[in-house]
Amino acid sequence: MSPQTQPTSDTTLEVIGVPIDLGQTLRGVDLGPGAIRYAGLRSHLRALGFRLLDRGNLAVPVRDSLSEGQQSNYLPAVQIICETVYAAARKVAEQNHLAVFLGGDHSIAIGTVGGISHREPVGLLYLDAHADFNTPDSSPSGNIHGMPLATLLGQGYPELVNIGRPGAKLTAADVVLLGVRELDRPEREQLRNSGIQVYTMRDIDERGIFAVGREALERLNHRRRLHVSLDLDVLDPTAAPGVGTASPGGLTYREAQLLCETIADSSRLSSVDLVEINPILDHHNRTARLAVALTASLFGKRIL
């Protein structure tokens, strides 16, 4: 079965939770998988006709259970978790299943994208207010959730770069970064030199989300499958308040929906990350409910 967003009774979609909060300092994103499930993910995806398999959550150590020696940047624990995520994502791809990975912070993308692309390259549409293109040398905070995109392109901690298979998991031509509006200064220079296609919020403001979204997909036409890594902070905080690193000036609810519907129209979506939802900062689970609605649109829900 080739990837598709028009499900049949034989289309299996797996849900895998990764409740990790070790990639950054703010607590609460480890509660994201539960919040998304509580918001009705299962019923929404089943209503689309998928055969749904919820695999539960992968094992992630509680931050407070780690020794002080492991708490500088949690690198050893993040490495182990991403190796587990990689193996789970690889298995999903080998079975030709679709997948939704529930974060947790964005460090899970090191494992999800790596595993999904193990057998066959994928195009990556990275939706984020931030580029996540820092390295240990450039990062002001040292937080690993600000490094996954650089790691996937072969830069950064060798322990993370070499998870699953040695070296980079993608080329710059395989990546489109969309919705960016907040960059660290060294990260900005690294991104300019990377060859990655970047669409900032100014591009979206000037050209419109439909034109930008269509062009982004065209730039990934050389890959049969698409992986969407969706950090909910790509939306404006007025639409998605429950995120760990909110940044004003993001996508509106309707812009995000249109983008997801445009991606679904391509019929190439194979897997999705939903990351950085922090229920502690949310209002009545609003951000998780938004994530569920966007996921349904990504997998083919239509107005008519």
C-alpha atoms as a PDB file:
ATOM      1  CA  MET A   1       0.000   0.000   0.000  1.00  0.00           C
ATOM      2  CA  SER A   2       1.412   3.395  -0.946  1.00  0.00           C
ATOM      3  CA  PRO A   3       1.030   6.341   1.439  1.00  0.00           C
ATOM      4  CA  GLN A   4      -2.369   7.972   1.102  1.00  0.00           C
ATOM      5  CA  THR A   5      -4.722  10.316   2.888  1.00  0.00           C
ATOM      6  CA  GLN A   6      -7.920   8.723   1.557  1.00  0.00           C
ATOM      7  CA  PRO A   7      -8.156   5.777   3.947  1.00  0.00           C
ATOM      8  CA  THR A   8      -9.737   2.408   3.396  1.00  0.00           C
ATOM      9  CA  SER A   9     -10.557  -0.241   5.957  1.00  0.00           C
ATOM     10  CA  ASP A  10      -7.100  -1.686   5.250  1.00  0.00           C
ATOM     11  CA  THR A  11      -5.232   1.557   5.975  1.00  0.00           C
ATOM     12  CA  THR A  12      -3.519   1.168   9.344  1.00  0.00           C
ATOM     13  CA  LEU A  13      -2.558   4.250  11.304  1.00  0.00           C
ATOM     14  CA  GLU A  14      -0.448   3.842  14.422  1.00  0.00           C
ATOM     15  CA  VAL A  15      -0.387   6.293  17.323  1.00  0.00           C
ATOM     16  CA  ILE A  16       2.793   6.287  19.414  1.00  0.00           C
ATOM     17  CA  GLY A  17       3.307   8.511  22.442  1.00  0.00           C
ATOM     18  CA  VAL A  18       6.714   9.829  23.478  1.00  0.00           C
ATOM     19  CA  PRO A  19       6.210  11.789  26.740  1.00  0.00           C
ATOM     20  CA  ILE A  20       9.660  13.374  26.855  1.00  0.00           C
ATOM     21  CA  ASP A  21      10.416  16.717  28.505  1.00  0.00           C
ATOM     22  CA  LEU A  22      14.201  16.293  28.662  1.00  0.00           C
ATOM     23  CA  GLY A  23      15.013  18.346  25.568  1.00  0.00           C
ATOM     24  CA  GLN A  24      14.226  21.637  27.314  1.00  0.00           C
ATOM     25  CA  THR A  25      13.915  23.185  30.751  1.00  0.00           C
ATOM     26  CA  LEU A  26      10.221  24.062  31.052  1.00  0.00           C
ATOM     27  CA  ARG A  27       8.150  21.293  32.605  1.00  0.00           C
ATOM     28  CA  GLY A  28       4.844  20.051  31.255  1.00  0.00           C
ATOM     29  CA  VAL A  29       5.276  18.904  27.644  1.00  0.00           C
ATOM     30  CA  ASP A  30       5.569  15.303  28.850  1.00  0.00           C
ATOM     31  CA  LEU A  31       1.816  15.548  29.464  1.00  0.00           C
ATOM     32  CA  GLY A  32       1.182  16.251  25.777  1.00  0.00           C
ATOM     33  CA  PRO A  33       0.345  12.683  24.645  1.00  0.00           C
ATOM     34  CA  GLY A  34      -2.336  12.338  27.289  1.00  0.00           C
ATOM     35  CA  ALA A  35      -3.823  15.730  26.458  1.00  0.00           C
ATOM     36  CA  ILE A  36      -4.029  14.878  22.750  1.00  0.00           C
ATOM     37  CA  ARG A  37      -5.660  11.533  23.408  1.00  0.00           C
ATOM     38  CA  TYR A  38      -8.095  13.154  25.840  1.00  0.00           C
ATOM     39  CA  ALA A  39      -8.994  15.683  23.127  1.00  0.00           C
ATOM     40  CA  GLY A  40     -10.414  12.877  20.989  1.00  0.00           C
ATOM     41  CA  LEU A  41      -7.668  11.865  18.579  1.00  0.00           C
ATOM     42  CA  ARG A  42      -8.877   8.267  18.434  1.00  0.00           C
ATOM     43  CA  SER A  43     -12.464   9.084  17.514  1.00  0.00           C
ATOM     44  CA  HIS A  44     -11.461  11.682  14.927  1.00  0.00           C
ATOM     45  CA  LEU A  45      -9.115   9.322  13.095  1.00  0.00           C
ATOM     46  CA  ARG A  46     -11.490   6.377  13.275  1.00  0.00           C
ATOM     47  CA  ALA A  47     -14.222   8.564  11.790  1.00  0.00           C
ATOM     48  CA  LEU A  48     -11.986   8.983   8.738  1.00  0.00           C
ATOM     49  CA  GLY A  49     -11.991   5.221   8.185  1.00  0.00           C
ATOM     50  CA  PHE A  50      -8.577   4.214   9.467  1.00  0.00           C
ATOM     51  CA  ARG A  51      -7.770   0.971  11.223  1.00  0.00           C
ATOM     52  CA  LEU A  52      -6.285   2.611  14.301  1.00  0.00           C
ATOM     53  CA  LEU A  53      -3.628   1.052  16.508  1.00  0.00           C
ATOM     54  CA  ASP A  54      -2.671   3.060  19.582  1.00  0.00           C
ATOM     55  CA  ARG A  55       0.644   1.630  20.785  1.00  0.00           C
ATOM     56  CA  GLY A  56       0.548   3.591  24.024  1.00  0.00           C
ATOM     57  CA  ASN A  57       3.599   5.503  25.230  1.00  0.00           C
ATOM     58  CA  LEU A  58       7.238   4.533  24.827  1.00  0.00           C
ATOM     59  CA  ALA A  59       9.207   4.311  28.054  1.00  0.00           C
ATOM     60  CA  VAL A  60      10.652   7.680  29.072  1.00  0.00           C
ATOM     61  CA  PRO A  61      12.353   8.280  32.441  1.00  0.00           C
ATOM     62  CA  VAL A  62      10.863  10.904  34.714  1.00  0.00           C
ATOM     63  CA  ARG A  63      13.245  13.844  34.878  1.00  0.00           C
ATOM     64  CA  ASP A  64      13.397  13.802  38.666  1.00  0.00           C
ATOM     65  CA  SER A  65      14.475  10.150  38.660  1.00  0.00           C
ATOM     66  CA  LEU A  66      17.726  10.915  36.819  1.00  0.00           C
ATOM     67  CA  SER A  67      20.923  11.417  38.760  1.00  0.00           C
ATOM     68  CA  GLU A  68      22.474  14.874  39.002  1.00  0.00           C
ATOM     69  CA  GLY A  69      25.240  13.756  36.686  1.00  0.00           C
ATOM     70  CA  GLN A  70      22.649  13.152  33.955  1.00  0.00           C
ATOM     71  CA  GLN A  71      20.920  16.490  34.382  1.00  0.00           C
ATOM     72  CA  SER A  72      23.281  18.897  32.612  1.00  0.00           C
ATOM     73  CA  ASN A  73      21.508  18.524  29.267  1.00  0.00           C
ATOM     74  CA  TYR A  74      20.031  15.006  29.631  1.00  0.00           C
ATOM     75  CA  LEU A  75      22.006  13.879  26.581  1.00  0.00           C
ATOM     76  CA  PRO A  76      22.403  10.198  27.596  1.00  0.00           C
ATOM     77  CA  ALA A  77      18.688   9.851  28.337  1.00  0.00           C
ATOM     78  CA  VAL A  78      17.654  11.688  25.167  1.00  0.00           C
ATOM     79  CA  GLN A  79      19.925   9.401  23.153  1.00  0.00           C
ATOM     80  CA  ILE A  80      18.350   6.251  24.583  1.00  0.00           C
ATOM     81  CA  ILE A  81      14.820   7.558  24.057  1.00  0.00           C
ATOM     82  CA  CYS A  82      15.500   8.625  20.467  1.00  0.00           C
ATOM     83  CA  GLU A  83      17.008   5.218  19.719  1.00  0.00           C
ATOM     84  CA  THR A  84      13.765   3.635  20.941  1.00  0.00           C
ATOM     85  CA  VAL A  85      11.712   6.082  18.886  1.00  0.00           C
ATOM     86  CA  TYR A  86      13.860   5.362  15.828  1.00  0.00           C
ATOM     87  CA  ALA A  87      13.207   1.626  16.135  1.00  0.00           C
ATOM     88  CA  ALA A  88       9.460   2.175  16.521  1.00  0.00           C
ATOM     89  CA  ALA A  89       9.303   4.539  13.539  1.00  0.00           C
ATOM     90  CA  ARG A  90      11.377   2.184  11.393  1.00  0.00           C
ATOM     91  CA  LYS A  91       8.962  -0.651  12.147  1.00  0.00           C
ATOM     92  CA  VAL A  92       5.993   1.527  11.196  1.00  0.00           C
ATOM     93  CA  ALA A  93       7.569   2.338   7.829  1.00  0.00           C
ATOM     94  CA  GLU A  94       8.541  -1.267   7.138  1.00  0.00           C
ATOM     95  CA  GLN A  95       4.920  -2.321   7.710  1.00  0.00           C
ATOM     96  CA  ASN A  96       3.713   0.426   5.350  1.00  0.00           C
ATOM     97  CA  HIS A  97       1.587   1.908   8.109  1.00  0.00           C
ATOM     98  CA  LEU A  98       0.851   5.566   8.629  1.00  0.00           C
ATOM     99  CA  ALA A  99       1.808   7.079  11.978  1.00  0.00           C
ATOM    100  CA  VAL A 100       1.164   9.908  14.415  1.00  0.00           C
ATOM    101  CA  PHE A 101       3.868  10.454  17.042  1.00  0.00           C
ATOM    102  CA  LEU A 102       2.737  12.349  20.129  1.00  0.00           C
ATOM    103  CA  GLY A 103       5.335  14.449  21.924  1.00  0.00           C
ATOM    104  CA  GLY A 104       6.758  15.537  24.224  1.00  0.00           C
ATOM    105  CA  ASP A 105       9.280  18.062  23.103  1.00  0.00           C
ATOM    106  CA  HIS A 106      10.657  18.342  19.577  1.00  0.00           C
ATOM    107  CA  SER A 107      13.727  16.232  20.279  1.00  0.00           C
ATOM    108  CA  ILE A 108      11.577  13.219  19.308  1.00  0.00           C
ATOM    109  CA  ALA A 109      12.021  14.230  15.656  1.00  0.00           C
ATOM    110  CA  ILE A 110      15.596  12.920  15.796  1.00  0.00           C
ATOM    111  CA  GLY A 111      14.098   9.458  16.233  1.00  0.00           C
ATOM    112  CA  THR A 112      10.873   9.745  14.245  1.00  0.00           C
ATOM    113  CA  VAL A 113      12.371  11.192  11.068  1.00  0.00           C
ATOM    114  CA  GLY A 114      15.401   8.936  11.319  1.00  0.00           C
ATOM    115  CA  GLY A 115      13.316   5.785  11.637  1.00  0.00           C
ATOM    116  CA  ILE A 116      10.689   6.725   9.048  1.00  0.00           C
ATOM    117  CA  SER A 117      13.471   7.406   6.524  1.00  0.00           C
ATOM    118  CA  HIS A 118      15.514   4.264   7.305  1.00  0.00           C
ATOM    119  CA  ARG A 119      14.330   2.240   4.317  1.00  0.00           C
ATOM    120  CA  GLU A 120      13.431   5.056   1.943  1.00  0.00           C
ATOM    121  CA  PRO A 121      14.108   8.822   2.037  1.00  0.00           C
ATOM    122  CA  VAL A 122      11.249  11.147   2.938  1.00  0.00           C
ATOM    123  CA  GLY A 123      10.481  14.787   2.409  1.00  0.00           C
ATOM    124  CA  LEU A 124      10.282  16.678   5.693  1.00  0.00           C
ATOM    125  CA  LEU A 125       7.918  19.607   6.179  1.00  0.00           C
ATOM    126  CA  TYR A 126       9.005  21.170   9.472  1.00  0.00           C
ATOM    127  CA  LEU A 127       6.370  23.534  10.859  1.00  0.00           C
ATOM    128  CA  ASP A 128       7.803  25.588  13.693  1.00  0.00           C
ATOM    129  CA  ALA A 129       8.215  29.126  14.972  1.00  0.00           C
ATOM    130  CA  HIS A 130      11.862  28.182  15.549  1.00  0.00           C
ATOM    131  CA  ALA A 131      14.361  26.577  13.197  1.00  0.00           C
ATOM    132  CA  ASP A 132      15.684  24.023  15.720  1.00  0.00           C
ATOM    133  CA  PHE A 133      18.963  24.361  13.837  1.00  0.00           C
ATOM    134  CA  ASN A 134      21.255  25.016  16.764  1.00  0.00           C
ATOM    135  CA  THR A 135      24.276  22.894  17.584  1.00  0.00           C
ATOM    136  CA  PRO A 136      25.977  22.479  20.971  1.00  0.00           C
ATOM    137  CA  ASP A 137      28.410  25.250  19.955  1.00  0.00           C
ATOM    138  CA  SER A 138      25.752  27.743  18.883  1.00  0.00           C
ATOM    139  CA  SER A 139      22.918  27.115  21.339  1.00  0.00           C
ATOM    140  CA  PRO A 140      22.530  29.798  24.043  1.00  0.00           C
ATOM    141  CA  SER A 141      20.587  27.393  26.264  1.00  0.00           C
ATOM    142  CA  GLY A 142      22.051  23.995  25.425  1.00  0.00           C
ATOM    143  CA  ASN A 143      18.506  22.622  25.127  1.00  0.00           C
ATOM    144  CA  ILE A 144      18.363  19.668  22.754  1.00  0.00           C
ATOM    145  CA  HIS A 145      14.837  20.467  21.553  1.00  0.00           C
ATOM    146  CA  GLY A 146      16.446  23.387  19.702  1.00  0.00           C
ATOM    147  CA  MET A 147      18.779  21.029  17.782  1.00  0.00           C
ATOM    148  CA  PRO A 148      16.805  18.244  16.035  1.00  0.00           C
ATOM    149  CA  LEU A 149      16.831  19.680  12.512  1.00  0.00           C
ATOM    150  CA  ALA A 150      20.585  20.307  12.622  1.00  0.00           C
ATOM    151  CA  THR A 151      21.064  16.806  14.051  1.00  0.00           C
ATOM    152  CA  LEU A 152      19.064  15.231  11.224  1.00  0.00           C
ATOM    153  CA  LEU A 153      21.346  16.978   8.741  1.00  0.00           C
ATOM    154  CA  GLY A 154      24.428  15.547  10.458  1.00  0.00           C
ATOM    155  CA  GLN A 155      25.456  18.390  12.755  1.00  0.00           C
ATOM    156  CA  GLY A 156      25.783  18.335  16.526  1.00  0.00           C
ATOM    157  CA  TYR A 157      26.260  15.640  19.141  1.00  0.00           C
ATOM    158  CA  PRO A 158      27.633  12.454  17.504  1.00  0.00           C
ATOM    159  CA  GLU A 159      25.574  10.439  19.989  1.00  0.00           C
ATOM    160  CA  LEU A 160      22.437  11.864  18.380  1.00  0.00           C
ATOM    161  CA  VAL A 161      23.634  12.239  14.788  1.00  0.00           C
ATOM    162  CA  ASN A 162      24.475   8.525  14.626  1.00  0.00           C
ATOM    163  CA  ILE A 163      21.265   7.147  16.129  1.00  0.00           C
ATOM    164  CA  GLY A 164      19.937   4.263  14.059  1.00  0.00           C
ATOM    165  CA  ARG A 165      22.471   4.615  11.266  1.00  0.00           C
ATOM    166  CA  PRO A 166      25.621   6.721  10.927  1.00  0.00           C
ATOM    167  CA  GLY A 167      25.459  10.311   9.793  1.00  0.00           C
ATOM    168  CA  ALA A 168      22.830  12.616   8.354  1.00  0.00           C
ATOM    169  CA  LYS A 169      19.330  11.248   7.851  1.00  0.00           C
ATOM    170  CA  LEU A 170      18.301  13.898   5.314  1.00  0.00           C
ATOM    171  CA  THR A 171      19.776  16.235   2.751  1.00  0.00           C
ATOM    172  CA  ALA A 172      18.961  19.930   2.722  1.00  0.00           C
ATOM    173  CA  ALA A 173      16.875  19.374  -0.417  1.00  0.00           C
ATOM    174  CA  ASP A 174      14.639  17.023   1.586  1.00  0.00           C
ATOM    175  CA  VAL A 175      13.616  19.740   4.069  1.00  0.00           C
ATOM    176  CA  VAL A 176      11.241  22.681   3.997  1.00  0.00           C
ATOM    177  CA  LEU A 177      10.983  24.819   7.127  1.00  0.00           C
ATOM    178  CA  LEU A 178       7.799  26.865   7.382  1.00  0.00           C
ATOM    179  CA  GLY A 179       6.448  29.430   9.841  1.00  0.00           C
ATOM    180  CA  VAL A 180       9.775  30.588  11.287  1.00  0.00           C
ATOM    181  CA  ARG A 181       9.865  33.892  13.126  1.00  0.00           C
ATOM    182  CA  GLU A 182      12.345  33.512  15.999  1.00  0.00           C
ATOM    183  CA  LEU A 183      16.010  32.616  15.462  1.00  0.00           C
ATOM    184  CA  ASP A 184      19.170  32.816  17.560  1.00  0.00           C
ATOM    185  CA  ARG A 185      21.900  34.862  15.854  1.00  0.00           C
ATOM    186  CA  PRO A 186      24.411  32.028  15.239  1.00  0.00           C
ATOM    187  CA  GLU A 187      21.538  29.758  14.215  1.00  0.00           C
ATOM    188  CA  ARG A 188      20.464  32.308  11.601  1.00  0.00           C
ATOM    189  CA  GLU A 189      23.861  32.174   9.910  1.00  0.00           C
ATOM    190  CA  GLN A 190      23.949  28.375  10.032  1.00  0.00           C
ATOM    191  CA  LEU A 191      20.496  28.193   8.485  1.00  0.00           C
ATOM    192  CA  ARG A 192      21.401  30.618   5.686  1.00  0.00           C
ATOM    193  CA  ASN A 193      24.347  28.418   4.765  1.00  0.00           C
ATOM    194  CA  SER A 194      22.453  25.137   5.043  1.00  0.00           C
ATOM    195  CA  GLY A 195      20.638  25.052   1.708  1.00  0.00           C
ATOM    196  CA  ILE A 196      17.294  24.399   3.445  1.00  0.00           C
ATOM    197  CA  GLN A 197      14.280  26.120   1.909  1.00  0.00           C
ATOM    198  CA  VAL A 198      12.831  28.411   4.582  1.00  0.00           C
ATOM    199  CA  TYR A 199       9.486  30.199   4.510  1.00  0.00           C
ATOM    200  CA  THR A 200       9.278  32.805   7.251  1.00  0.00           C
ATOM    201  CA  MET A 201       6.101  34.415   8.527  1.00  0.00           C
ATOM    202  CA  ARG A 202       6.915  37.389   6.319  1.00  0.00           C
ATOM    203  CA  ASP A 203       6.761  35.127   3.261  1.00  0.00           C
ATOM    204  CA  ILE A 204       3.380  33.863   4.417  1.00  0.00           C
ATOM    205  CA  ASP A 205       2.115  37.382   5.144  1.00  0.00           C
ATOM    206  CA  GLU A 206       3.204  38.643   1.717  1.00  0.00           C
ATOM    207  CA  ARG A 207       2.208  35.669  -0.443  1.00  0.00           C
ATOM    208  CA  GLY A 208      -0.489  33.836   1.499  1.00  0.00           C
ATOM    209  CA  ILE A 209      -0.447  30.400   3.063  1.00  0.00           C
ATOM    210  CA  PHE A 210      -1.951  28.614   0.060  1.00  0.00           C
ATOM    211  CA  ALA A 211       0.751  29.768  -2.361  1.00  0.00           C
ATOM    212  CA  VAL A 212       3.537  29.102   0.127  1.00  0.00           C
ATOM    213  CA  GLY A 213       2.133  25.686   1.035  1.00  0.00           C
ATOM    214  CA  ARG A 214       1.797  24.591  -2.592  1.00  0.00           C
ATOM    215  CA  GLU A 215       5.334  25.730  -3.360  1.00  0.00           C
ATOM    216  CA  ALA A 216       6.687  23.956  -0.289  1.00  0.00           C
ATOM    217  CA  LEU A 217       5.109  20.689  -1.419  1.00  0.00           C
ATOM    218  CA  GLU A 218       6.456  21.139  -4.938  1.00  0.00           C
ATOM    219  CA  ARG A 219       9.962  21.500  -3.525  1.00  0.00           C
ATOM    220  CA  LEU A 220       9.555  18.062  -1.941  1.00  0.00           C
ATOM    221  CA  ASN A 221       8.136  16.406  -5.059  1.00  0.00           C
ATOM    222  CA  HIS A 222      11.291  14.323  -5.469  1.00  0.00           C
ATOM    223  CA  ARG A 223      10.257  12.240  -2.454  1.00  0.00           C
ATOM    224  CA  ARG A 224       7.345   9.807  -2.574  1.00  0.00           C
ATOM    225  CA  ARG A 225       6.488  10.175   1.112  1.00  0.00           C
ATOM    226  CA  LEU A 226       6.090  13.196   3.391  1.00  0.00           C
ATOM    227  CA  HIS A 227       6.693  13.508   7.112  1.00  0.00           C
ATOM    228  CA  VAL A 228       5.171  16.553   8.810  1.00  0.00           C
ATOM    229  CA  SER A 229       6.808  17.617  12.057  1.00  0.00           C
ATOM    230  CA  LEU A 230       4.318  19.992  13.651  1.00  0.00           C
ATOM    231  CA  ASP A 231       5.355  22.098  16.602  1.00  0.00           C
ATOM    232  CA  LEU A 232       2.164  23.752  17.812  1.00  0.00           C
ATOM    233  CA  ASP A 233       4.061  26.972  18.480  1.00  0.00           C
ATOM    234  CA  VAL A 234       3.993  27.577  14.722  1.00  0.00           C
ATOM    235  CA  LEU A 235       0.506  28.922  15.442  1.00  0.00           C
ATOM    236  CA  ASP A 236      -0.067  32.262  17.059  1.00  0.00           C
ATOM    237  CA  PRO A 237      -0.451  32.005  20.856  1.00  0.00           C
ATOM    238  CA  THR A 238      -3.972  33.404  20.562  1.00  0.00           C
ATOM    239  CA  ALA A 239      -4.886  30.179  18.738  1.00  0.00           C
ATOM    240  CA  ALA A 240      -2.551  27.777  20.565  1.00  0.00           C
ATOM    241  CA  PRO A 241      -1.698  29.115  24.038  1.00  0.00           C
ATOM    242  CA  GLY A 242      -0.576  25.809  25.553  1.00  0.00           C
ATOM    243  CA  VAL A 243       2.960  25.526  24.171  1.00  0.00           C
ATOM    244  CA  GLY A 244       6.339  25.607  25.856  1.00  0.00           C
ATOM    245  CA  THR A 245       7.971  28.359  23.793  1.00  0.00           C
ATOM    246  CA  ALA A 246       5.208  30.633  22.532  1.00  0.00           C
ATOM    247  CA  SER A 247       6.086  33.270  19.951  1.00  0.00           C
ATOM    248  CA  PRO A 248       3.646  35.992  18.784  1.00  0.00           C
ATOM    249  CA  GLY A 249       2.880  36.538  15.129  1.00  0.00           C
ATOM    250  CA  GLY A 250       2.251  32.950  14.055  1.00  0.00           C
ATOM    251  CA  LEU A 251      -0.244  31.167  11.843  1.00  0.00           C
ATOM    252  CA  THR A 252      -3.922  31.732  12.441  1.00  0.00           C
ATOM    253  CA  TYR A 253      -6.204  28.763  13.036  1.00  0.00           C
ATOM    254  CA  ARG A 254      -7.616  29.003   9.516  1.00  0.00           C
ATOM    255  CA  GLU A 255      -4.167  29.341   7.901  1.00  0.00           C
ATOM    256  CA  ALA A 256      -3.047  26.204   9.690  1.00  0.00           C
ATOM    257  CA  GLN A 257      -6.167  24.325   8.615  1.00  0.00           C
ATOM    258  CA  LEU A 258      -5.731  25.352   4.988  1.00  0.00           C
ATOM    259  CA  LEU A 259      -2.095  24.277   5.052  1.00  0.00           C
ATOM    260  CA  CYS A 260      -3.049  20.879   6.478  1.00  0.00           C
ATOM    261  CA  GLU A 261      -5.805  20.447   3.904  1.00  0.00           C
ATOM    262  CA  THR A 262      -3.324  21.302   1.135  1.00  0.00           C
ATOM    263  CA  ILE A 263      -0.885  18.698   2.449  1.00  0.00           C
ATOM    264  CA  ALA A 264      -3.680  16.111   2.541  1.00  0.00           C
ATOM    265  CA  ASP A 265      -4.528  16.885  -1.091  1.00  0.00           C
ATOM    266  CA  SER A 266      -1.025  15.734  -2.078  1.00  0.00           C
ATOM    267  CA  SER A 267      -1.875  12.153  -0.943  1.00  0.00           C
ATOM    268  CA  ARG A 268       1.760  11.656   0.099  1.00  0.00           C
ATOM    269  CA  LEU A 269       1.587  12.039   3.858  1.00  0.00           C
ATOM    270  CA  SER A 270       3.018   9.052   5.715  1.00  0.00           C
ATOM    271  CA  SER A 271       3.658  10.307   9.253  1.00  0.00           C
ATOM    272  CA  VAL A 272       3.232  13.243  11.619  1.00  0.00           C
ATOM    273  CA  ASP A 273       4.848  14.556  14.806  1.00  0.00           C
ATOM    274  CA  LEU A 274       2.681  16.566  17.212  1.00  0.00           C
ATOM    275  CA  VAL A 275       5.031  18.233  19.673  1.00  0.00           C
ATOM    276  CA  GLU A 276       5.527  20.892  22.346  1.00  0.00           C
ATOM    277  CA  ILE A 277       1.973  20.914  23.722  1.00  0.00           C
ATOM    278  CA  ASN A 278       2.084  21.958  27.369  1.00  0.00           C
ATOM    279  CA  PRO A 279      -1.285  21.354  29.059  1.00  0.00           C
ATOM    280  CA  ILE A 280      -0.120  23.172  32.197  1.00  0.00           C
ATOM    281  CA  LEU A 281      -0.031  26.420  30.211  1.00  0.00           C
ATOM    282  CA  ASP A 282      -3.170  25.710  28.200  1.00  0.00           C
ATOM    283  CA  HIS A 283      -6.794  26.819  28.606  1.00  0.00           C
ATOM    284  CA  HIS A 284      -9.277  23.933  28.863  1.00  0.00           C
ATOM    285  CA  ASN A 285      -7.096  21.704  26.622  1.00  0.00           C
ATOM    286  CA  ARG A 286      -7.587  24.139  23.753  1.00  0.00           C
ATOM    287  CA  THR A 287      -4.205  23.514  22.116  1.00  0.00           C
ATOM    288  CA  ALA A 288      -4.543  19.735  22.195  1.00  0.00           C
ATOM    289  CA  ARG A 289      -8.016  19.993  20.666  1.00  0.00           C
ATOM    290  CA  LEU A 290      -6.553  22.192  17.938  1.00  0.00           C
ATOM    291  CA  ALA A 291      -3.813  19.613  17.335  1.00  0.00           C
ATOM    292  CA  VAL A 292      -6.446  16.910  16.892  1.00  0.00           C
ATOM    293  CA  ALA A 293      -8.394  19.035  14.405  1.00  0.00           C
ATOM    294  CA  LEU A 294      -5.246  19.743  12.389  1.00  0.00           C
ATOM    295  CA  THR A 295      -4.288  16.071  12.408  1.00  0.00           C
ATOM    296  CA  ALA A 296      -7.704  15.103  11.082  1.00  0.00           C
ATOM    297  CA  SER A 297      -7.261  17.642   8.273  1.00  0.00           C
ATOM    298  CA  LEU A 298      -3.786  16.299   7.487  1.00  0.00           C
ATOM    299  CA  PHE A 299      -5.229  12.818   7.061  1.00  0.00           C
ATOM    300  CA  GLY A 300      -8.055  13.834   4.803  1.00  0.00           C
ATOM    301  CA  LYS A 301     -10.964  15.342   6.728  1.00  0.00           C
ATOM    302  CA  ARG A 302     -12.879  17.671   4.439  1.00  0.00           C
ATOM    303  CA  ILE A 303     -15.519  20.316   4.977  1.00  0.00           C
ATOM    304  CA  LEU A 304     -17.659  18.882   2.166  1.00  0.00           C
END
